[in-house]
């Protein structure tokens, strides 16, 4: 990943969206495995 100072706002937003998607997927996997 590039240093934040070289990233555009769109790139930062895309990184954050990807992180949120992974976190949501992991949460769904945990809840599915509990049932």
C-alpha atoms as a PDB file:
ATOM      1  CA  UNK A   1       0.000   0.000   0.000  1.00  0.00           C
ATOM      2  CA  UNK A   2       1.204   3.497  -0.798  1.00  0.00           C
ATOM      3  CA  UNK A   3       1.852   6.037   1.957  1.00  0.00           C
ATOM      4  CA  UNK A   4      -1.360   7.844   2.839  1.00  0.00           C
ATOM      5  CA  UNK A   5       0.083  11.180   1.731  1.00  0.00           C
ATOM      6  CA  UNK A   6       0.277   9.870  -1.852  1.00  0.00           C
ATOM      7  CA  UNK A   7      -3.222   8.400  -1.902  1.00  0.00           C
ATOM      8  CA  UNK A   8      -6.256  10.235  -3.197  1.00  0.00           C
ATOM      9  CA  UNK A   9      -9.418  10.445  -1.125  1.00  0.00           C
ATOM     10  CA  UNK A  10     -11.053   7.959  -3.489  1.00  0.00           C
ATOM     11  CA  UNK A  11      -8.253   5.446  -2.896  1.00  0.00           C
ATOM     12  CA  UNK A  12      -8.496   5.877   0.871  1.00  0.00           C
ATOM     13  CA  UNK A  13     -12.277   5.459   0.681  1.00  0.00           C
ATOM     14  CA  UNK A  14     -11.870   2.277  -1.357  1.00  0.00           C
ATOM     15  CA  UNK A  15      -9.402   0.865   1.193  1.00  0.00           C
ATOM     16  CA  UNK A  16     -11.801   1.588   4.036  1.00  0.00           C
ATOM     17  CA  UNK A  17     -14.723   0.070   2.142  1.00  0.00           C
ATOM     18  CA  UNK A  18     -12.709  -3.100   1.516  1.00  0.00           C
ATOM     19  CA  UNK A  19     -11.792  -3.359   5.199  1.00  0.00           C
ATOM     20  CA  UNK A  20     -15.434  -2.904   6.225  1.00  0.00           C
ATOM     21  CA  UNK A  21     -16.527  -5.572   3.749  1.00  0.00           C
ATOM     22  CA  UNK A  22     -14.032  -8.077   5.167  1.00  0.00           C
ATOM     23  CA  UNK A  23     -15.082  -7.296   8.743  1.00  0.00           C
ATOM     24  CA  UNK A  24     -18.764  -7.738   7.865  1.00  0.00           C
ATOM     25  CA  UNK A  25     -18.000 -11.045   6.117  1.00  0.00           C
ATOM     26  CA  UNK A  26     -16.068 -12.363   9.129  1.00  0.00           C
ATOM     27  CA  UNK A  27     -18.909 -11.350  11.444  1.00  0.00           C
ATOM     28  CA  UNK A  28     -21.405 -13.183   9.226  1.00  0.00           C
ATOM     29  CA  UNK A  29     -19.181 -16.287   9.199  1.00  0.00           C
ATOM     30  CA  UNK A  30     -18.982 -16.283  13.011  1.00  0.00           C
ATOM     31  CA  UNK A  31     -22.739 -15.952  13.365  1.00  0.00           C
ATOM     32  CA  UNK A  32     -23.353 -18.693  10.795  1.00  0.00           C
ATOM     33  CA  UNK A  33     -20.974 -21.093  12.560  1.00  0.00           C
ATOM     34  CA  UNK A  34     -22.793 -20.597  15.863  1.00  0.00           C
ATOM     35  CA  UNK A  35     -26.056 -22.037  14.546  1.00  0.00           C
END
